[in-house]
Amino acid sequence: MRTLRFACGSAVVVAVAASAAPPASAQNPAPDSYLNIGTYTIGIPVGDTHRFINAPVGWFGVAWEGQWPFRSHLAKGLSFSLQDFSDSKAGTTTFPSGAITGHQNSELLMMALMGTVRWYPGIRWGHGLYLGMGAGGEFDQQYYTVGFSRQMVRSGVHLLIAPDVGVITRVMGDIDLVINARFMVPNSAGSYLGGGPRSFQFVALSVGIAER
């Protein structure tokens, strides 16, 4: 399965990246200190995503993010994420060009690459509550199959912004627990099923680990 192979490869990338982080001082980070974050993500579809996918949650998602200290209480970073939504149903779906009846499989695969900025209001960089913003690009792949008919595929490239909020708390040694909520907001672009551009938005809820 195309999505499963890609997902496994992405999970390996996240795991390898999470094991390669150099150590850093917890109290006063050096200029070369680094925070390496790997997370598992579920997605809640919003807007055009919810209209295409009837499932309330996309259960598969992975993300990797690297952060570096940048001025007082600020971090700059790079983030890569992969989120999959899928849904199967039987019945009739109405498009502007007509209606389709039968067993239907819908899938959205979203890959995003962003630069990020984080603000930590506490006394230590990389610890506690943070607020952030990401901006970059997203590639979306849309799949749709009815019965045994040939699978229809559409794709598009989008500009993306993603405000988020989260918390990082110590677990043991150089390993921290990370909990994050992020709103992925791509611009309306592409030419998807049903005709015209779409903005496939979703709320990403993530849990993972950070290594210093």
C-alpha atoms as a PDB file:
ATOM      1  CA  MET A   1       0.000   0.000   0.000  1.00  0.00           C
ATOM      2  CA  ARG A   2       1.429   3.339  -1.118  1.00  0.00           C
ATOM      3  CA  THR A   3       0.571   5.249   2.064  1.00  0.00           C
ATOM      4  CA  LEU A   4       1.818   2.510   4.396  1.00  0.00           C
ATOM      5  CA  ARG A   5       5.223   2.294   2.658  1.00  0.00           C
ATOM      6  CA  PHE A   6       5.623   6.066   2.774  1.00  0.00           C
ATOM      7  CA  ALA A   7       4.460   6.200   6.387  1.00  0.00           C
ATOM      8  CA  CYS A   8       6.940   3.544   7.498  1.00  0.00           C
ATOM      9  CA  GLY A   9       9.770   5.368   5.753  1.00  0.00           C
ATOM     10  CA  SER A  10       8.787   8.638   7.417  1.00  0.00           C
ATOM     11  CA  ALA A  11       8.613   6.983  10.835  1.00  0.00           C
ATOM     12  CA  VAL A  12      12.153   5.651  10.330  1.00  0.00           C
ATOM     13  CA  VAL A  13      13.348   9.154   9.452  1.00  0.00           C
ATOM     14  CA  VAL A  14      11.774  10.534  12.631  1.00  0.00           C
ATOM     15  CA  ALA A  15      13.319   7.792  14.765  1.00  0.00           C
ATOM     16  CA  VAL A  16      16.797   8.247  13.288  1.00  0.00           C
ATOM     17  CA  ALA A  17      16.600  12.024  13.708  1.00  0.00           C
ATOM     18  CA  ALA A  18      15.480  11.642  17.309  1.00  0.00           C
ATOM     19  CA  SER A  19      18.528   9.502  18.099  1.00  0.00           C
ATOM     20  CA  ALA A  20      21.053  11.945  16.649  1.00  0.00           C
ATOM     21  CA  ALA A  21      20.553  14.986  18.866  1.00  0.00           C
ATOM     22  CA  PRO A  22      23.670  16.476  20.485  1.00  0.00           C
ATOM     23  CA  PRO A  23      23.535  17.201  24.250  1.00  0.00           C
ATOM     24  CA  ALA A  24      22.841  20.708  25.516  1.00  0.00           C
ATOM     25  CA  SER A  25      22.929  22.553  28.831  1.00  0.00           C
ATOM     26  CA  ALA A  26      19.500  22.549  30.493  1.00  0.00           C
ATOM     27  CA  GLN A  27      19.911  25.795  32.427  1.00  0.00           C
ATOM     28  CA  ASN A  28      21.702  28.173  30.043  1.00  0.00           C
ATOM     29  CA  PRO A  29      21.898  26.686  26.545  1.00  0.00           C
ATOM     30  CA  ALA A  30      25.078  27.235  24.559  1.00  0.00           C
ATOM     31  CA  PRO A  31      24.841  28.883  21.121  1.00  0.00           C
ATOM     32  CA  ASP A  32      25.013  25.442  19.479  1.00  0.00           C
ATOM     33  CA  SER A  33      22.390  23.786  21.747  1.00  0.00           C
ATOM     34  CA  TYR A  34      19.672  21.848  19.990  1.00  0.00           C
ATOM     35  CA  LEU A  35      16.270  20.295  20.720  1.00  0.00           C
ATOM     36  CA  ASN A  36      15.227  17.261  18.656  1.00  0.00           C
ATOM     37  CA  ILE A  37      11.496  16.399  18.670  1.00  0.00           C
ATOM     38  CA  GLY A  38       9.650  13.391  17.247  1.00  0.00           C
ATOM     39  CA  THR A  39       5.874  13.046  17.627  1.00  0.00           C
ATOM     40  CA  TYR A  40       2.875  10.890  16.779  1.00  0.00           C
ATOM     41  CA  THR A  41      -0.075  12.958  15.514  1.00  0.00           C
ATOM     42  CA  ILE A  42      -3.807  12.550  15.057  1.00  0.00           C
ATOM     43  CA  GLY A  43      -5.670  14.994  12.813  1.00  0.00           C
ATOM     44  CA  ILE A  44      -9.167  16.449  13.192  1.00  0.00           C
ATOM     45  CA  PRO A  45     -10.478  17.469   9.736  1.00  0.00           C
ATOM     46  CA  VAL A  46     -11.797  21.016   9.261  1.00  0.00           C
ATOM     47  CA  GLY A  47     -13.465  22.770   6.307  1.00  0.00           C
ATOM     48  CA  ASP A  48     -12.685  21.193   2.917  1.00  0.00           C
ATOM     49  CA  THR A  49     -10.939  18.272   4.647  1.00  0.00           C
ATOM     50  CA  HIS A  50     -14.087  17.468   6.638  1.00  0.00           C
ATOM     51  CA  ARG A  51     -16.231  17.730   3.493  1.00  0.00           C
ATOM     52  CA  PHE A  52     -14.052  15.191   1.636  1.00  0.00           C
ATOM     53  CA  ILE A  53     -13.343  12.860   4.581  1.00  0.00           C
ATOM     54  CA  ASN A  54     -16.336  11.857   6.731  1.00  0.00           C
ATOM     55  CA  ALA A  55     -14.185  10.151   9.371  1.00  0.00           C
ATOM     56  CA  PRO A  56     -13.936  12.342  12.500  1.00  0.00           C
ATOM     57  CA  VAL A  57     -10.196  11.677  13.002  1.00  0.00           C
ATOM     58  CA  GLY A  58      -7.156  10.856  10.895  1.00  0.00           C
ATOM     59  CA  TRP A  59      -5.316   8.329  13.069  1.00  0.00           C
ATOM     60  CA  PHE A  60      -1.961   8.294  11.329  1.00  0.00           C
ATOM     61  CA  GLY A  61       0.513  11.148  11.461  1.00  0.00           C
ATOM     62  CA  VAL A  62       4.193  11.632  12.257  1.00  0.00           C
ATOM     63  CA  ALA A  63       6.293  14.759  12.627  1.00  0.00           C
ATOM     64  CA  TRP A  64       9.896  15.749  13.267  1.00  0.00           C
ATOM     65  CA  GLU A  65      11.117  19.147  14.418  1.00  0.00           C
ATOM     66  CA  GLY A  66      14.515  20.598  15.259  1.00  0.00           C
ATOM     67  CA  GLN A  67      14.810  23.744  17.422  1.00  0.00           C
ATOM     68  CA  TRP A  68      17.715  26.079  18.147  1.00  0.00           C
ATOM     69  CA  PRO A  69      17.817  28.958  20.682  1.00  0.00           C
ATOM     70  CA  PHE A  70      17.286  32.374  19.097  1.00  0.00           C
ATOM     71  CA  ARG A  71      17.520  35.437  21.341  1.00  0.00           C
ATOM     72  CA  SER A  72      15.880  35.530  24.767  1.00  0.00           C
ATOM     73  CA  HIS A  73      13.101  32.940  25.256  1.00  0.00           C
ATOM     74  CA  LEU A  74      12.831  32.368  21.479  1.00  0.00           C
ATOM     75  CA  ALA A  75      13.607  29.326  19.343  1.00  0.00           C
ATOM     76  CA  LYS A  76      13.883  28.942  15.584  1.00  0.00           C
ATOM     77  CA  GLY A  77      13.360  25.599  13.931  1.00  0.00           C
ATOM     78  CA  LEU A  78      12.548  23.355  11.011  1.00  0.00           C
ATOM     79  CA  SER A  79       9.534  21.033  10.920  1.00  0.00           C
ATOM     80  CA  PHE A  80       8.508  18.141   8.650  1.00  0.00           C
ATOM     81  CA  SER A  81       5.134  16.412   9.046  1.00  0.00           C
ATOM     82  CA  LEU A  82       3.089  13.717   7.331  1.00  0.00           C
ATOM     83  CA  GLN A  83      -0.653  13.292   7.960  1.00  0.00           C
ATOM     84  CA  ASP A  84      -3.049  10.779   6.400  1.00  0.00           C
ATOM     85  CA  PHE A  85      -6.862  10.835   6.387  1.00  0.00           C
ATOM     86  CA  SER A  86      -8.931   7.964   4.993  1.00  0.00           C
ATOM     87  CA  ASP A  87     -12.585   6.990   4.884  1.00  0.00           C
ATOM     88  CA  SER A  88     -14.737   4.229   3.374  1.00  0.00           C
ATOM     89  CA  LYS A  89     -18.474   4.383   2.885  1.00  0.00           C
ATOM     90  CA  ALA A  90     -21.366   3.111   0.770  1.00  0.00           C
ATOM     91  CA  GLY A  91     -24.044   5.344  -0.708  1.00  0.00           C
ATOM     92  CA  THR A  92     -24.358   8.314  -3.003  1.00  0.00           C
ATOM     93  CA  THR A  93     -22.015  11.297  -3.197  1.00  0.00           C
ATOM     94  CA  THR A  94     -23.056  14.390  -5.139  1.00  0.00           C
ATOM     95  CA  PHE A  95     -20.509  16.471  -7.047  1.00  0.00           C
ATOM     96  CA  PRO A  96     -21.181  19.603  -9.132  1.00  0.00           C
ATOM     97  CA  SER A  97     -20.886  17.444 -12.259  1.00  0.00           C
ATOM     98  CA  GLY A  98     -23.215  14.683 -11.025  1.00  0.00           C
ATOM     99  CA  ALA A  99     -23.756  11.946  -8.423  1.00  0.00           C
ATOM    100  CA  ILE A 100     -21.810   8.714  -7.760  1.00  0.00           C
ATOM    101  CA  THR A 101     -23.320   5.645  -6.075  1.00  0.00           C
ATOM    102  CA  GLY A 102     -21.436   2.623  -4.705  1.00  0.00           C
ATOM    103  CA  HIS A 103     -18.727   1.679  -2.231  1.00  0.00           C
ATOM    104  CA  GLN A 104     -16.318   4.619  -1.999  1.00  0.00           C
ATOM    105  CA  ASN A 105     -12.810   5.017  -0.617  1.00  0.00           C
ATOM    106  CA  SER A 106     -11.441   8.507   0.045  1.00  0.00           C
ATOM    107  CA  GLU A 107      -7.918   9.374   1.154  1.00  0.00           C
ATOM    108  CA  LEU A 108      -5.847  12.508   1.702  1.00  0.00           C
ATOM    109  CA  LEU A 109      -2.094  12.434   2.223  1.00  0.00           C
ATOM    110  CA  MET A 110      -0.517  15.726   3.370  1.00  0.00           C
ATOM    111  CA  MET A 111       3.208  16.465   3.577  1.00  0.00           C
ATOM    112  CA  ALA A 112       4.376  19.780   5.046  1.00  0.00           C
ATOM    113  CA  LEU A 113       7.775  21.448   5.439  1.00  0.00           C
ATOM    114  CA  MET A 114       7.954  24.629   7.534  1.00  0.00           C
ATOM    115  CA  GLY A 115      10.230  27.023   9.316  1.00  0.00           C
ATOM    116  CA  THR A 116       9.081  27.641  12.884  1.00  0.00           C
ATOM    117  CA  VAL A 117       9.430  30.213  15.669  1.00  0.00           C
ATOM    118  CA  ARG A 118       8.650  29.382  19.311  1.00  0.00           C
ATOM    119  CA  TRP A 119       8.325  31.625  22.368  1.00  0.00           C
ATOM    120  CA  TYR A 120       8.967  30.154  25.831  1.00  0.00           C
ATOM    121  CA  PRO A 121       7.673  32.566  28.515  1.00  0.00           C
ATOM    122  CA  GLY A 122       9.291  30.597  31.365  1.00  0.00           C
ATOM    123  CA  ILE A 123      12.764  31.068  32.791  1.00  0.00           C
ATOM    124  CA  ARG A 124      14.375  28.253  30.775  1.00  0.00           C
ATOM    125  CA  TRP A 125      14.644  27.906  27.023  1.00  0.00           C
ATOM    126  CA  GLY A 126      13.033  24.730  25.712  1.00  0.00           C
ATOM    127  CA  HIS A 127      11.043  23.992  28.885  1.00  0.00           C
ATOM    128  CA  GLY A 128       7.431  24.510  29.893  1.00  0.00           C
ATOM    129  CA  LEU A 129       4.638  26.212  27.978  1.00  0.00           C
ATOM    130  CA  TYR A 130       5.316  27.658  24.528  1.00  0.00           C
ATOM    131  CA  LEU A 131       3.480  29.484  21.750  1.00  0.00           C
ATOM    132  CA  GLY A 132       4.591  29.159  18.152  1.00  0.00           C
ATOM    133  CA  MET A 133       4.048  29.850  14.474  1.00  0.00           C
ATOM    134  CA  GLY A 134       5.120  27.894  11.418  1.00  0.00           C
ATOM    135  CA  ALA A 135       5.163  28.886   7.746  1.00  0.00           C
ATOM    136  CA  GLY A 136       6.181  26.990   4.640  1.00  0.00           C
ATOM    137  CA  GLY A 137       4.732  24.704   1.987  1.00  0.00           C
ATOM    138  CA  GLU A 138       2.450  21.682   1.826  1.00  0.00           C
ATOM    139  CA  PHE A 139       1.963  18.997  -0.828  1.00  0.00           C
ATOM    140  CA  ASP A 140      -1.466  17.317  -0.786  1.00  0.00           C
ATOM    141  CA  GLN A 141      -2.387  14.099  -2.609  1.00  0.00           C
ATOM    142  CA  GLN A 142      -6.081  13.201  -2.985  1.00  0.00           C
ATOM    143  CA  TYR A 143      -7.284   9.664  -3.844  1.00  0.00           C
ATOM    144  CA  TYR A 144     -10.825   8.567  -4.633  1.00  0.00           C
ATOM    145  CA  THR A 145     -12.130   5.127  -5.714  1.00  0.00           C
ATOM    146  CA  VAL A 146     -15.686   3.926  -6.385  1.00  0.00           C
ATOM    147  CA  GLY A 147     -16.192   0.149  -6.402  1.00  0.00           C
ATOM    148  CA  PHE A 148     -13.736  -1.510  -8.778  1.00  0.00           C
ATOM    149  CA  SER A 149     -13.271   1.561 -10.965  1.00  0.00           C
ATOM    150  CA  ARG A 150      -9.851   3.100 -11.608  1.00  0.00           C
ATOM    151  CA  GLN A 151      -8.568   5.218  -8.761  1.00  0.00           C
ATOM    152  CA  MET A 152      -8.771   8.982  -9.355  1.00  0.00           C
ATOM    153  CA  VAL A 153      -5.824  11.041  -8.087  1.00  0.00           C
ATOM    154  CA  ARG A 154      -5.437  14.803  -7.726  1.00  0.00           C
ATOM    155  CA  SER A 155      -2.634  16.785  -6.100  1.00  0.00           C
ATOM    156  CA  GLY A 156      -1.644  20.355  -5.321  1.00  0.00           C
ATOM    157  CA  VAL A 157       1.041  22.502  -3.723  1.00  0.00           C
ATOM    158  CA  HIS A 158      -0.029  25.021  -1.068  1.00  0.00           C
ATOM    159  CA  LEU A 159       1.448  27.813   1.009  1.00  0.00           C
ATOM    160  CA  LEU A 160       0.934  27.084   4.682  1.00  0.00           C
ATOM    161  CA  ILE A 161       0.774  28.790   8.064  1.00  0.00           C
ATOM    162  CA  ALA A 162       0.384  26.882  11.324  1.00  0.00           C
ATOM    163  CA  PRO A 163      -0.049  28.532  14.755  1.00  0.00           C
ATOM    164  CA  ASP A 164       0.467  26.170  17.676  1.00  0.00           C
ATOM    165  CA  VAL A 165       0.644  25.853  21.445  1.00  0.00           C
ATOM    166  CA  GLY A 166       2.309  23.178  23.535  1.00  0.00           C
ATOM    167  CA  VAL A 167       4.271  22.166  26.588  1.00  0.00           C
ATOM    168  CA  ILE A 168       7.621  20.418  27.135  1.00  0.00           C
ATOM    169  CA  THR A 169       8.227  18.755  30.489  1.00  0.00           C
ATOM    170  CA  ARG A 170      11.113  16.668  31.844  1.00  0.00           C
ATOM    171  CA  VAL A 171      10.675  12.881  32.031  1.00  0.00           C
ATOM    172  CA  MET A 172      14.178  11.592  32.739  1.00  0.00           C
ATOM    173  CA  GLY A 173      17.731  12.551  31.896  1.00  0.00           C
ATOM    174  CA  ASP A 174      17.801  14.376  28.567  1.00  0.00           C
ATOM    175  CA  ILE A 175      14.380  13.034  27.516  1.00  0.00           C
ATOM    176  CA  ASP A 176      11.308  15.296  27.711  1.00  0.00           C
ATOM    177  CA  LEU A 177       7.598  14.746  27.031  1.00  0.00           C
ATOM    178  CA  VAL A 178       6.092  17.005  24.348  1.00  0.00           C
ATOM    179  CA  ILE A 179       2.363  17.729  23.920  1.00  0.00           C
ATOM    180  CA  ASN A 180       1.310  20.021  21.077  1.00  0.00           C
ATOM    181  CA  ALA A 181      -1.813  21.359  19.322  1.00  0.00           C
ATOM    182  CA  ARG A 182      -1.343  22.946  15.893  1.00  0.00           C
ATOM    183  CA  PHE A 183      -3.815  24.381  13.358  1.00  0.00           C
ATOM    184  CA  MET A 184      -2.667  23.630   9.804  1.00  0.00           C
ATOM    185  CA  VAL A 185      -4.011  26.294   7.421  1.00  0.00           C
ATOM    186  CA  PRO A 186      -2.933  25.938   3.765  1.00  0.00           C
ATOM    187  CA  ASN A 187      -4.083  28.462   1.176  1.00  0.00           C
ATOM    188  CA  SER A 188      -6.755  27.501  -1.352  1.00  0.00           C
ATOM    189  CA  ALA A 189      -4.996  26.092  -4.432  1.00  0.00           C
ATOM    190  CA  GLY A 190      -4.873  23.159  -6.854  1.00  0.00           C
ATOM    191  CA  SER A 191      -7.628  21.524  -8.887  1.00  0.00           C
ATOM    192  CA  TYR A 192      -9.202  18.742  -6.851  1.00  0.00           C
ATOM    193  CA  LEU A 193     -12.132  16.359  -7.287  1.00  0.00           C
ATOM    194  CA  GLY A 194     -15.370  18.263  -7.565  1.00  0.00           C
ATOM    195  CA  GLY A 195     -13.637  21.058  -9.455  1.00  0.00           C
ATOM    196  CA  GLY A 196     -11.527  24.006  -8.394  1.00  0.00           C
ATOM    197  CA  PRO A 197      -9.048  24.746  -5.586  1.00  0.00           C
ATOM    198  CA  ARG A 198      -9.308  23.502  -1.997  1.00  0.00           C
ATOM    199  CA  SER A 199      -7.833  24.362   1.395  1.00  0.00           C
ATOM    200  CA  PHE A 200      -7.473  21.081   3.326  1.00  0.00           C
ATOM    201  CA  GLN A 201      -7.256  22.332   6.914  1.00  0.00           C
ATOM    202  CA  PHE A 202      -6.993  20.257  10.073  1.00  0.00           C
ATOM    203  CA  VAL A 203      -6.116  20.441  13.762  1.00  0.00           C
ATOM    204  CA  ALA A 204      -3.060  18.334  14.626  1.00  0.00           C
ATOM    205  CA  LEU A 205      -2.851  16.935  18.171  1.00  0.00           C
ATOM    206  CA  SER A 206       0.612  15.518  18.887  1.00  0.00           C
ATOM    207  CA  VAL A 207       2.444  13.673  21.649  1.00  0.00           C
ATOM    208  CA  GLY A 208       6.093  12.659  21.539  1.00  0.00           C
ATOM    209  CA  ILE A 209       9.561  13.039  22.977  1.00  0.00           C
ATOM    210  CA  ALA A 210      12.260  15.669  22.838  1.00  0.00           C
ATOM    211  CA  GLU A 211      15.970  14.891  23.177  1.00  0.00           C
ATOM    212  CA  ARG A 212      18.713  17.392  23.995  1.00  0.00           C
END
